[in-house]
Amino acid sequence: SELVSNAVRHARRESIRVMVERTAPDRVRVAVSDFSHALPELR
């Protein structure tokens, strides 16, 4: 939800992509891609 919210707020095109992968038996990777080059900042 947080990653999608950031992409919705900062992306430049009309779509985003959400990906969910099991990278190991006990690990899940959640990712959101967008067409903006602005990197998120932890603040």
All heavy atoms as atom14 arrays in JSON, in Angstrom:
{
  "sequence": "SELVSNAVRHARRESIRVMVERTAPDRVRVAVSDFSHALPELR",
  "atom14_mask": [
    [1, 1, 1, 1, 1, 1, 0, 0, 0, 0, 0, 0, 0, 0],
    [1, 1, 1, 1, 1, 1, 1, 1, 1, 0, 0, 0, 0, 0],
    [1, 1, 1, 1, 1, 1, 1, 1, 0, 0, 0, 0, 0, 0],
    [1, 1, 1, 1, 1, 1, 1, 0, 0, 0, 0, 0, 0, 0],
    [1, 1, 1, 1, 1, 1, 0, 0, 0, 0, 0, 0, 0, 0],
    [1, 1, 1, 1, 1, 1, 1, 1, 0, 0, 0, 0, 0, 0],
    [1, 1, 1, 1, 1, 0, 0, 0, 0, 0, 0, 0, 0, 0],
    [1, 1, 1, 1, 1, 1, 1, 0, 0, 0, 0, 0, 0, 0],
    [1, 1, 1, 1, 1, 1, 1, 1, 1, 1, 1, 0, 0, 0],
    [1, 1, 1, 1, 1, 1, 1, 1, 1, 1, 0, 0, 0, 0],
    [1, 1, 1, 1, 1, 0, 0, 0, 0, 0, 0, 0, 0, 0],
    [1, 1, 1, 1, 1, 1, 1, 1, 1, 1, 1, 0, 0, 0],
    [1, 1, 1, 1, 1, 1, 1, 1, 1, 1, 1, 0, 0, 0],
    [1, 1, 1, 1, 1, 1, 1, 1, 1, 0, 0, 0, 0, 0],
    [1, 1, 1, 1, 1, 1, 0, 0, 0, 0, 0, 0, 0, 0],
    [1, 1, 1, 1, 1, 1, 1, 1, 0, 0, 0, 0, 0, 0],
    [1, 1, 1, 1, 1, 1, 1, 1, 1, 1, 1, 0, 0, 0],
    [1, 1, 1, 1, 1, 1, 1, 0, 0, 0, 0, 0, 0, 0],
    [1, 1, 1, 1, 1, 1, 1, 1, 0, 0, 0, 0, 0, 0],
    [1, 1, 1, 1, 1, 1, 1, 0, 0, 0, 0, 0, 0, 0],
    [1, 1, 1, 1, 1, 1, 1, 1, 1, 0, 0, 0, 0, 0],
    [1, 1, 1, 1, 1, 1, 1, 1, 1, 1, 1, 0, 0, 0],
    [1, 1, 1, 1, 1, 1, 1, 0, 0, 0, 0, 0, 0, 0],
    [1, 1, 1, 1, 1, 0, 0, 0, 0, 0, 0, 0, 0, 0],
    [1, 1, 1, 1, 1, 1, 1, 0, 0, 0, 0, 0, 0, 0],
    [1, 1, 1, 1, 1, 1, 1, 1, 0, 0, 0, 0, 0, 0],
    [1, 1, 1, 1, 1, 1, 1, 1, 1, 1, 1, 0, 0, 0],
    [1, 1, 1, 1, 1, 1, 1, 0, 0, 0, 0, 0, 0, 0],
    [1, 1, 1, 1, 1, 1, 1, 1, 1, 1, 1, 0, 0, 0],
    [1, 1, 1, 1, 1, 1, 1, 0, 0, 0, 0, 0, 0, 0],
    [1, 1, 1, 1, 1, 0, 0, 0, 0, 0, 0, 0, 0, 0],
    [1, 1, 1, 1, 1, 1, 1, 0, 0, 0, 0, 0, 0, 0],
    [1, 1, 1, 1, 1, 1, 0, 0, 0, 0, 0, 0, 0, 0],
    [1, 1, 1, 1, 1, 1, 1, 1, 0, 0, 0, 0, 0, 0],
    [1, 1, 1, 1, 1, 1, 1, 1, 1, 1, 1, 0, 0, 0],
    [1, 1, 1, 1, 1, 1, 0, 0, 0, 0, 0, 0, 0, 0],
    [1, 1, 1, 1, 1, 1, 1, 1, 1, 1, 0, 0, 0, 0],
    [1, 1, 1, 1, 1, 0, 0, 0, 0, 0, 0, 0, 0, 0],
    [1, 1, 1, 1, 1, 1, 1, 1, 0, 0, 0, 0, 0, 0],
    [1, 1, 1, 1, 1, 1, 1, 0, 0, 0, 0, 0, 0, 0],
    [1, 1, 1, 1, 1, 1, 1, 1, 1, 0, 0, 0, 0, 0],
    [1, 1, 1, 1, 1, 1, 1, 1, 0, 0, 0, 0, 0, 0],
    [1, 1, 1, 1, 1, 1, 1, 1, 1, 1, 1, 0, 0, 0]
  ],
  "atom14_positions": [
    [[0.84, -1.21, 0.0], [0.0, 0.0, 0.0], [0.86, 1.25, 0.0], [0.59, 2.21, -0.73], [-0.92, 0.03, 1.22], [-1.91, -0.94, 1.11], [0.0, 0.0, 0.0], [0.0, 0.0, 0.0], [0.0, 0.0, 0.0], [0.0, 0.0, 0.0], [0.0, 0.0, 0.0], [0.0, 0.0, 0.0], [0.0, 0.0, 0.0], [0.0, 0.0, 0.0]],
    [[1.89, 1.27, 0.83], [2.79, 2.42, 0.89], [3.55, 2.61, -0.41], [3.68, 3.73, -0.92], [3.77, 2.28, 2.06], [3.12, 2.34, 3.41], [2.41, 3.67, 3.69], [2.82, 4.7, 3.11], [1.45, 3.67, 4.46], [0.0, 0.0, 0.0], [0.0, 0.0, 0.0], [0.0, 0.0, 0.0], [0.0, 0.0, 0.0], [0.0, 0.0, 0.0]],
    [[4.04, 1.52, -0.99], [4.8, 1.62, -2.24], [3.91, 2.09, -3.39], [4.32, 2.91, -4.22], [5.46, 0.28, -2.57], [6.5, -0.23, -1.56], [7.1, -1.54, -2.06], [7.57, 0.81, -1.28], [0.0, 0.0, 0.0], [0.0, 0.0, 0.0], [0.0, 0.0, 0.0], [0.0, 0.0, 0.0], [0.0, 0.0, 0.0], [0.0, 0.0, 0.0]],
    [[2.68, 1.57, -3.44], [1.74, 2.0, -4.48], [1.38, 3.48, -4.28], [1.35, 4.25, -5.25], [0.48, 1.11, -4.5], [-0.63, 1.74, -5.34], [0.82, -0.28, -5.03], [0.0, 0.0, 0.0], [0.0, 0.0, 0.0], [0.0, 0.0, 0.0], [0.0, 0.0, 0.0], [0.0, 0.0, 0.0], [0.0, 0.0, 0.0], [0.0, 0.0, 0.0]],
    [[1.14, 3.88, -3.05], [0.8, 5.28, -2.78], [1.9, 6.22, -3.26], [1.63, 7.26, -3.88], [0.57, 5.51, -1.29], [-0.58, 4.84, -0.88], [0.0, 0.0, 0.0], [0.0, 0.0, 0.0], [0.0, 0.0, 0.0], [0.0, 0.0, 0.0], [0.0, 0.0, 0.0], [0.0, 0.0, 0.0], [0.0, 0.0, 0.0], [0.0, 0.0, 0.0]],
    [[3.15, 5.85, -3.0], [4.27, 6.68, -3.48], [4.33, 6.73, -5.0], [4.56, 7.78, -5.58], [5.6, 6.16, -2.92], [5.8, 6.55, -1.48], [5.13, 7.41, -0.95], [6.73, 5.86, -0.83], [0.0, 0.0, 0.0], [0.0, 0.0, 0.0], [0.0, 0.0, 0.0], [0.0, 0.0, 0.0], [0.0, 0.0, 0.0], [0.0, 0.0, 0.0]],
    [[4.12, 5.58, -5.63], [4.16, 5.55, -7.09], [3.02, 6.37, -7.69], [3.21, 7.09, -8.67], [4.09, 4.1, -7.59], [0.0, 0.0, 0.0], [0.0, 0.0, 0.0], [0.0, 0.0, 0.0], [0.0, 0.0, 0.0], [0.0, 0.0, 0.0], [0.0, 0.0, 0.0], [0.0, 0.0, 0.0], [0.0, 0.0, 0.0], [0.0, 0.0, 0.0]],
    [[1.84, 6.27, -7.1], [0.7, 7.05, -7.59], [0.99, 8.54, -7.47], [0.72, 9.33, -8.37], [-0.59, 6.66, -6.82], [-1.7, 7.67, -7.05], [-1.04, 5.26, -7.22], [0.0, 0.0, 0.0], [0.0, 0.0, 0.0], [0.0, 0.0, 0.0], [0.0, 0.0, 0.0], [0.0, 0.0, 0.0], [0.0, 0.0, 0.0], [0.0, 0.0, 0.0]],
    [[1.6, 8.93, -6.38], [1.88, 10.34, -6.12], [2.99, 10.89, -7.02], [2.93, 12.02, -7.49], [2.28, 10.52, -4.66], [2.43, 11.96, -4.22], [2.71, 12.08, -2.72], [1.64, 11.49, -1.93], [1.79, 10.4, -1.15], [2.93, 9.8, -1.05], [0.76, 9.93, -0.47], [0.0, 0.0, 0.0], [0.0, 0.0, 0.0], [0.0, 0.0, 0.0]],
    [[4.02, 10.08, -7.31], [5.22, 10.61, -7.97], [5.47, 10.15, -9.4], [6.31, 10.72, -10.07], [6.45, 10.27, -7.12], [6.37, 10.85, -5.75], [6.43, 12.2, -5.51], [6.21, 10.25, -4.54], [6.33, 12.41, -4.2], [6.18, 11.26, -3.6], [0.0, 0.0, 0.0], [0.0, 0.0, 0.0], [0.0, 0.0, 0.0], [0.0, 0.0, 0.0]],
    [[4.77, 9.13, -9.86], [5.03, 8.61, -11.2], [4.57, 9.59, -12.27], [3.84, 10.53, -12.0], [4.34, 7.26, -11.39], [0.0, 0.0, 0.0], [0.0, 0.0, 0.0], [0.0, 0.0, 0.0], [0.0, 0.0, 0.0], [0.0, 0.0, 0.0], [0.0, 0.0, 0.0], [0.0, 0.0, 0.0], [0.0, 0.0, 0.0], [0.0, 0.0, 0.0]],
    [[4.99, 9.34, -13.49], [4.71, 10.26, -14.59], [3.79, 9.71, -15.66], [3.3, 10.44, -16.48], [6.03, 10.69, -15.26], [6.97, 11.4, -14.32], [6.41, 12.78, -14.0], [7.24, 13.45, -13.01], [6.82, 13.78, -11.8], [5.61, 13.5, -11.41], [7.62, 14.39, -10.98], [0.0, 0.0, 0.0], [0.0, 0.0, 0.0], [0.0, 0.0, 0.0]],
    [[3.58, 8.43, -15.7], [2.71, 7.84, -16.71], [1.46, 7.3, -16.07], [1.26, 7.37, -14.87], [3.46, 6.75, -17.47], [4.61, 7.34, -18.27], [4.93, 6.49, -19.45], [6.1, 7.02, -20.13], [6.99, 6.27, -20.73], [6.86, 4.97, -20.73], [8.01, 6.82, -21.33], [0.0, 0.0, 0.0], [0.0, 0.0, 0.0], [0.0, 0.0, 0.0]],
    [[0.61, 6.69, -16.86], [-0.72, 6.27, -16.4], [-0.77, 4.91, -15.73], [-1.82, 4.51, -15.25], [-1.7, 6.3, -17.58], [-1.9, 7.68, -18.16], [-2.32, 8.7, -17.1], [-3.22, 8.4, -16.3], [-1.71, 9.79, -17.05], [0.0, 0.0, 0.0], [0.0, 0.0, 0.0], [0.0, 0.0, 0.0], [0.0, 0.0, 0.0], [0.0, 0.0, 0.0]],
    [[0.37, 4.19, -15.68], [0.31, 2.87, -15.07], [1.53, 2.64, -14.17], [2.55, 3.3, -14.3], [0.24, 1.77, -16.14], [1.42, 1.75, -16.9], [0.0, 0.0, 0.0], [0.0, 0.0, 0.0], [0.0, 0.0, 0.0], [0.0, 0.0, 0.0], [0.0, 0.0, 0.0], [0.0, 0.0, 0.0], [0.0, 0.0, 0.0], [0.0, 0.0, 0.0]],
    [[1.36, 1.66, -13.27], [2.43, 1.18, -12.42], [2.39, -0.34, -12.49], [1.4, -0.91, -12.96], [2.27, 1.66, -10.95], [0.94, 1.17, -10.37], [2.36, 3.18, -10.88], [0.77, 1.44, -8.89], [0.0, 0.0, 0.0], [0.0, 0.0, 0.0], [0.0, 0.0, 0.0], [0.0, 0.0, 0.0], [0.0, 0.0, 0.0], [0.0, 0.0, 0.0]],
    [[3.43, -1.0, -12.03], [3.44, -2.47, -12.02], [3.78, -2.94, -10.62], [4.73, -2.46, -10.01], [4.45, -3.01, -13.02], [4.41, -4.51, -13.16], [4.48, -4.9, -14.62], [4.32, -6.33, -14.8], [3.2, -6.9, -15.18], [2.13, -6.19, -15.41], [3.13, -8.2, -15.34], [0.0, 0.0, 0.0], [0.0, 0.0, 0.0], [0.0, 0.0, 0.0]],
    [[3.0, -3.89, -10.13], [3.21, -4.49, -8.82], [3.7, -5.91, -9.04], [3.13, -6.65, -9.85], [1.9, -4.49, -8.0], [2.09, -5.22, -6.67], [1.4, -3.08, -7.78], [0.0, 0.0, 0.0], [0.0, 0.0, 0.0], [0.0, 0.0, 0.0], [0.0, 0.0, 0.0], [0.0, 0.0, 0.0], [0.0, 0.0, 0.0], [0.0, 0.0, 0.0]],
    [[4.76, -6.28, -8.31], [5.32, -7.62, -8.43], [5.49, -8.23, -7.04], [5.88, -7.53, -6.1], [6.68, -7.56, -9.13], [6.56, -7.06, -10.56], [7.98, -6.09, -11.12], [7.85, -4.62, -10.14], [0.0, 0.0, 0.0], [0.0, 0.0, 0.0], [0.0, 0.0, 0.0], [0.0, 0.0, 0.0], [0.0, 0.0, 0.0], [0.0, 0.0, 0.0]],
    [[5.19, -9.51, -6.92], [5.36, -10.24, -5.67], [6.1, -11.52, -6.02], [5.64, -12.3, -6.86], [4.0, -10.58, -5.02], [4.21, -11.2, -3.64], [3.11, -9.35, -4.93], [0.0, 0.0, 0.0], [0.0, 0.0, 0.0], [0.0, 0.0, 0.0], [0.0, 0.0, 0.0], [0.0, 0.0, 0.0], [0.0, 0.0, 0.0], [0.0, 0.0, 0.0]],
    [[7.24, -11.73, -5.37], [8.05, -12.91, -5.65], [8.43, -13.59, -4.34], [8.61, -12.93, -3.32], [9.35, -12.52, -6.34], [9.19, -11.87, -7.69], [10.53, -11.45, -8.23], [11.04, -10.41, -7.79], [11.08, -12.19, -9.07], [0.0, 0.0, 0.0], [0.0, 0.0, 0.0], [0.0, 0.0, 0.0], [0.0, 0.0, 0.0], [0.0, 0.0, 0.0]],
    [[8.58, -14.88, -4.43], [9.11, -15.64, -3.3], [10.57, -15.87, -3.62], [10.92, -16.74, -4.41], [8.34, -16.94, -3.14], [8.72, -17.68, -1.88], [7.83, -18.88, -1.72], [8.07, -19.53, -0.44], [7.46, -20.64, -0.08], [6.59, -21.22, -0.9], [7.73, -21.18, 1.08], [0.0, 0.0, 0.0], [0.0, 0.0, 0.0], [0.0, 0.0, 0.0]],
    [[11.45, -15.09, -3.01], [12.87, -15.15, -3.34], [13.6, -16.26, -2.61], [14.72, -16.62, -2.99], [13.54, -13.8, -3.05], [13.34, -13.47, -1.67], [12.96, -12.7, -3.93], [0.0, 0.0, 0.0], [0.0, 0.0, 0.0], [0.0, 0.0, 0.0], [0.0, 0.0, 0.0], [0.0, 0.0, 0.0], [0.0, 0.0, 0.0], [0.0, 0.0, 0.0]],
    [[13.01, -16.78, -1.57], [13.54, -17.91, -0.8], [12.34, -18.55, -0.11], [11.27, -17.95, -0.05], [14.58, -17.42, 0.22], [0.0, 0.0, 0.0], [0.0, 0.0, 0.0], [0.0, 0.0, 0.0], [0.0, 0.0, 0.0], [0.0, 0.0, 0.0], [0.0, 0.0, 0.0], [0.0, 0.0, 0.0], [0.0, 0.0, 0.0], [0.0, 0.0, 0.0]],
    [[12.5, -19.74, 0.43], [11.35, -20.39, 1.08], [10.69, -19.54, 2.16], [9.49, -19.66, 2.39], [11.96, -21.67, 1.67], [13.11, -21.98, 0.76], [13.67, -20.63, 0.38], [0.0, 0.0, 0.0], [0.0, 0.0, 0.0], [0.0, 0.0, 0.0], [0.0, 0.0, 0.0], [0.0, 0.0, 0.0], [0.0, 0.0, 0.0], [0.0, 0.0, 0.0]],
    [[11.46, -18.66, 2.81], [10.9, -17.85, 3.9], [10.96, -16.35, 3.61], [10.89, -15.55, 4.52], [11.63, -18.16, 5.2], [13.1, -17.75, 5.15], [13.64, -17.56, 4.03], [13.71, -17.62, 6.22], [0.0, 0.0, 0.0], [0.0, 0.0, 0.0], [0.0, 0.0, 0.0], [0.0, 0.0, 0.0], [0.0, 0.0, 0.0], [0.0, 0.0, 0.0]],
    [[11.08, -15.96, 2.33], [11.18, -14.54, 1.99], [10.27, -14.18, 0.83], [10.18, -14.89, -0.15], [12.6, -14.2, 1.57], [13.43, -13.64, 2.72], [14.73, -13.2, 2.17], [15.49, -12.07, 2.47], [15.69, -11.43, 3.58], [15.04, -11.74, 4.63], [16.51, -10.44, 3.68], [0.0, 0.0, 0.0], [0.0, 0.0, 0.0], [0.0, 0.0, 0.0]],
    [[9.58, -13.06, 0.99], [8.68, -12.53, -0.04], [9.17, -11.13, -0.41], [9.41, -10.31, 0.48], [7.22, -12.46, 0.47], [6.32, -11.8, -0.56], [6.72, -13.86, 0.81], [0.0, 0.0, 0.0], [0.0, 0.0, 0.0], [0.0, 0.0, 0.0], [0.0, 0.0, 0.0], [0.0, 0.0, 0.0], [0.0, 0.0, 0.0], [0.0, 0.0, 0.0]],
    [[9.34, -10.9, -1.69], [9.72, -9.56, -2.17], [8.51, -8.92, -2.83], [7.9, -9.48, -3.73], [10.85, -9.64, -3.18], [11.23, -8.25, -3.72], [12.37, -8.31, -4.69], [13.59, -8.49, -3.93], [14.75, -7.97, -4.27], [14.87, -7.25, -5.36], [15.82, -8.19, -3.53], [0.0, 0.0, 0.0], [0.0, 0.0, 0.0], [0.0, 0.0, 0.0]],
    [[8.17, -7.74, -2.35], [7.08, -6.93, -2.9], [7.76, -5.75, -3.6], [8.62, -5.1, -3.02], [6.16, -6.44, -1.77], [5.08, -5.52, -2.32], [5.55, -7.61, -1.03], [0.0, 0.0, 0.0], [0.0, 0.0, 0.0], [0.0, 0.0, 0.0], [0.0, 0.0, 0.0], [0.0, 0.0, 0.0], [0.0, 0.0, 0.0], [0.0, 0.0, 0.0]],
    [[7.37, -5.48, -4.84], [8.0, -4.38, -5.58], [6.96, -3.64, -6.4], [5.97, -4.21, -6.84], [9.08, -4.94, -6.5], [0.0, 0.0, 0.0], [0.0, 0.0, 0.0], [0.0, 0.0, 0.0], [0.0, 0.0, 0.0], [0.0, 0.0, 0.0], [0.0, 0.0, 0.0], [0.0, 0.0, 0.0], [0.0, 0.0, 0.0], [0.0, 0.0, 0.0]],
    [[7.22, -2.35, -6.6], [6.37, -1.51, -7.44], [7.29, -0.74, -8.37], [8.25, -0.1, -7.94], [5.52, -0.54, -6.6], [4.73, 0.39, -7.5], [4.59, -1.31, -5.67], [0.0, 0.0, 0.0], [0.0, 0.0, 0.0], [0.0, 0.0, 0.0], [0.0, 0.0, 0.0], [0.0, 0.0, 0.0], [0.0, 0.0, 0.0], [0.0, 0.0, 0.0]],
    [[7.0, -0.83, -9.67], [7.78, -0.07, -10.64], [6.93, 1.05, -11.23], [5.71, 0.93, -11.33], [8.29, -0.99, -11.76], [7.23, -1.53, -12.5], [0.0, 0.0, 0.0], [0.0, 0.0, 0.0], [0.0, 0.0, 0.0], [0.0, 0.0, 0.0], [0.0, 0.0, 0.0], [0.0, 0.0, 0.0], [0.0, 0.0, 0.0], [0.0, 0.0, 0.0]],
    [[7.62, 2.15, -11.55], [6.95, 3.27, -12.19], [7.93, 3.96, -13.12], [9.11, 3.63, -13.16], [6.34, 4.24, -11.16], [7.38, 4.93, -10.3], [8.23, 5.64, -10.86], [7.33, 4.77, -9.07], [0.0, 0.0, 0.0], [0.0, 0.0, 0.0], [0.0, 0.0, 0.0], [0.0, 0.0, 0.0], [0.0, 0.0, 0.0], [0.0, 0.0, 0.0]],
    [[7.43, 4.92, -13.85], [8.23, 5.57, -14.88], [8.87, 6.88, -14.43], [9.25, 7.7, -15.25], [7.37, 5.81, -16.13], [6.97, 4.53, -16.8], [5.72, 3.97, -16.57], [7.85, 3.85, -17.63], [5.34, 2.79, -17.18], [7.48, 2.67, -18.23], [6.22, 2.13, -18.01], [0.0, 0.0, 0.0], [0.0, 0.0, 0.0], [0.0, 0.0, 0.0]],
    [[9.01, 7.07, -13.13], [9.66, 8.26, -12.6], [11.09, 7.91, -12.2], [11.35, 6.82, -11.68], [8.9, 8.78, -11.38], [9.64, 9.77, -10.72], [0.0, 0.0, 0.0], [0.0, 0.0, 0.0], [0.0, 0.0, 0.0], [0.0, 0.0, 0.0], [0.0, 0.0, 0.0], [0.0, 0.0, 0.0], [0.0, 0.0, 0.0], [0.0, 0.0, 0.0]],
    [[12.0, 8.83, -12.4], [13.39, 8.64, -11.97], [13.63, 9.2, -10.57], [14.72, 9.03, -10.03], [14.34, 9.29, -12.97], [14.38, 8.58, -14.28], [15.04, 7.4, -14.47], [13.79, 8.86, -15.46], [14.88, 6.99, -15.72], [14.11, 7.85, -16.34], [0.0, 0.0, 0.0], [0.0, 0.0, 0.0], [0.0, 0.0, 0.0], [0.0, 0.0, 0.0]],
    [[12.64, 9.84, -9.98], [12.79, 10.39, -8.63], [12.81, 9.24, -7.63], [11.86, 8.47, -7.53], [11.64, 11.34, -8.32], [0.0, 0.0, 0.0], [0.0, 0.0, 0.0], [0.0, 0.0, 0.0], [0.0, 0.0, 0.0], [0.0, 0.0, 0.0], [0.0, 0.0, 0.0], [0.0, 0.0, 0.0], [0.0, 0.0, 0.0], [0.0, 0.0, 0.0]],
    [[13.9, 9.12, -6.89], [14.05, 8.04, -5.92], [13.4, 8.41, -4.59], [13.44, 9.57, -4.18], [15.53, 7.73, -5.7], [16.29, 7.26, -6.94], [17.75, 7.03, -6.6], [15.67, 6.01, -7.53], [0.0, 0.0, 0.0], [0.0, 0.0, 0.0], [0.0, 0.0, 0.0], [0.0, 0.0, 0.0], [0.0, 0.0, 0.0], [0.0, 0.0, 0.0]],
    [[12.82, 7.43, -3.92], [12.19, 7.72, -2.63], [13.25, 8.05, -1.59], [14.38, 7.55, -1.66], [11.46, 6.42, -2.29], [12.2, 5.37, -3.03], [12.71, 6.03, -4.29], [0.0, 0.0, 0.0], [0.0, 0.0, 0.0], [0.0, 0.0, 0.0], [0.0, 0.0, 0.0], [0.0, 0.0, 0.0], [0.0, 0.0, 0.0], [0.0, 0.0, 0.0]],
    [[12.88, 8.88, -0.63], [13.8, 9.27, 0.43], [13.18, 8.96, 1.78], [12.06, 9.37, 2.07], [14.09, 10.76, 0.36], [14.85, 11.19, -0.87], [15.12, 12.68, -0.88], [15.3, 13.28, 0.21], [15.15, 13.25, -1.97], [0.0, 0.0, 0.0], [0.0, 0.0, 0.0], [0.0, 0.0, 0.0], [0.0, 0.0, 0.0], [0.0, 0.0, 0.0]],
    [[13.93, 8.23, 2.59], [13.51, 7.98, 3.96], [13.76, 9.26, 4.75], [14.85, 9.8, 4.73], [14.33, 6.83, 4.54], [13.97, 6.34, 5.93], [12.54, 5.83, 5.98], [14.92, 5.24, 6.35], [0.0, 0.0, 0.0], [0.0, 0.0, 0.0], [0.0, 0.0, 0.0], [0.0, 0.0, 0.0], [0.0, 0.0, 0.0], [0.0, 0.0, 0.0]],
    [[12.71, 9.77, 5.38], [12.87, 11.02, 6.11], [12.08, 10.96, 7.41], [11.25, 10.09, 7.61], [12.45, 12.22, 5.27], [11.0, 12.23, 4.85], [10.71, 13.38, 3.88], [9.31, 13.68, 3.79], [8.65, 14.54, 4.56], [9.28, 15.21, 5.48], [7.37, 14.76, 4.39], [0.0, 0.0, 0.0], [0.0, 0.0, 0.0], [0.0, 0.0, 0.0]]
  ]
}
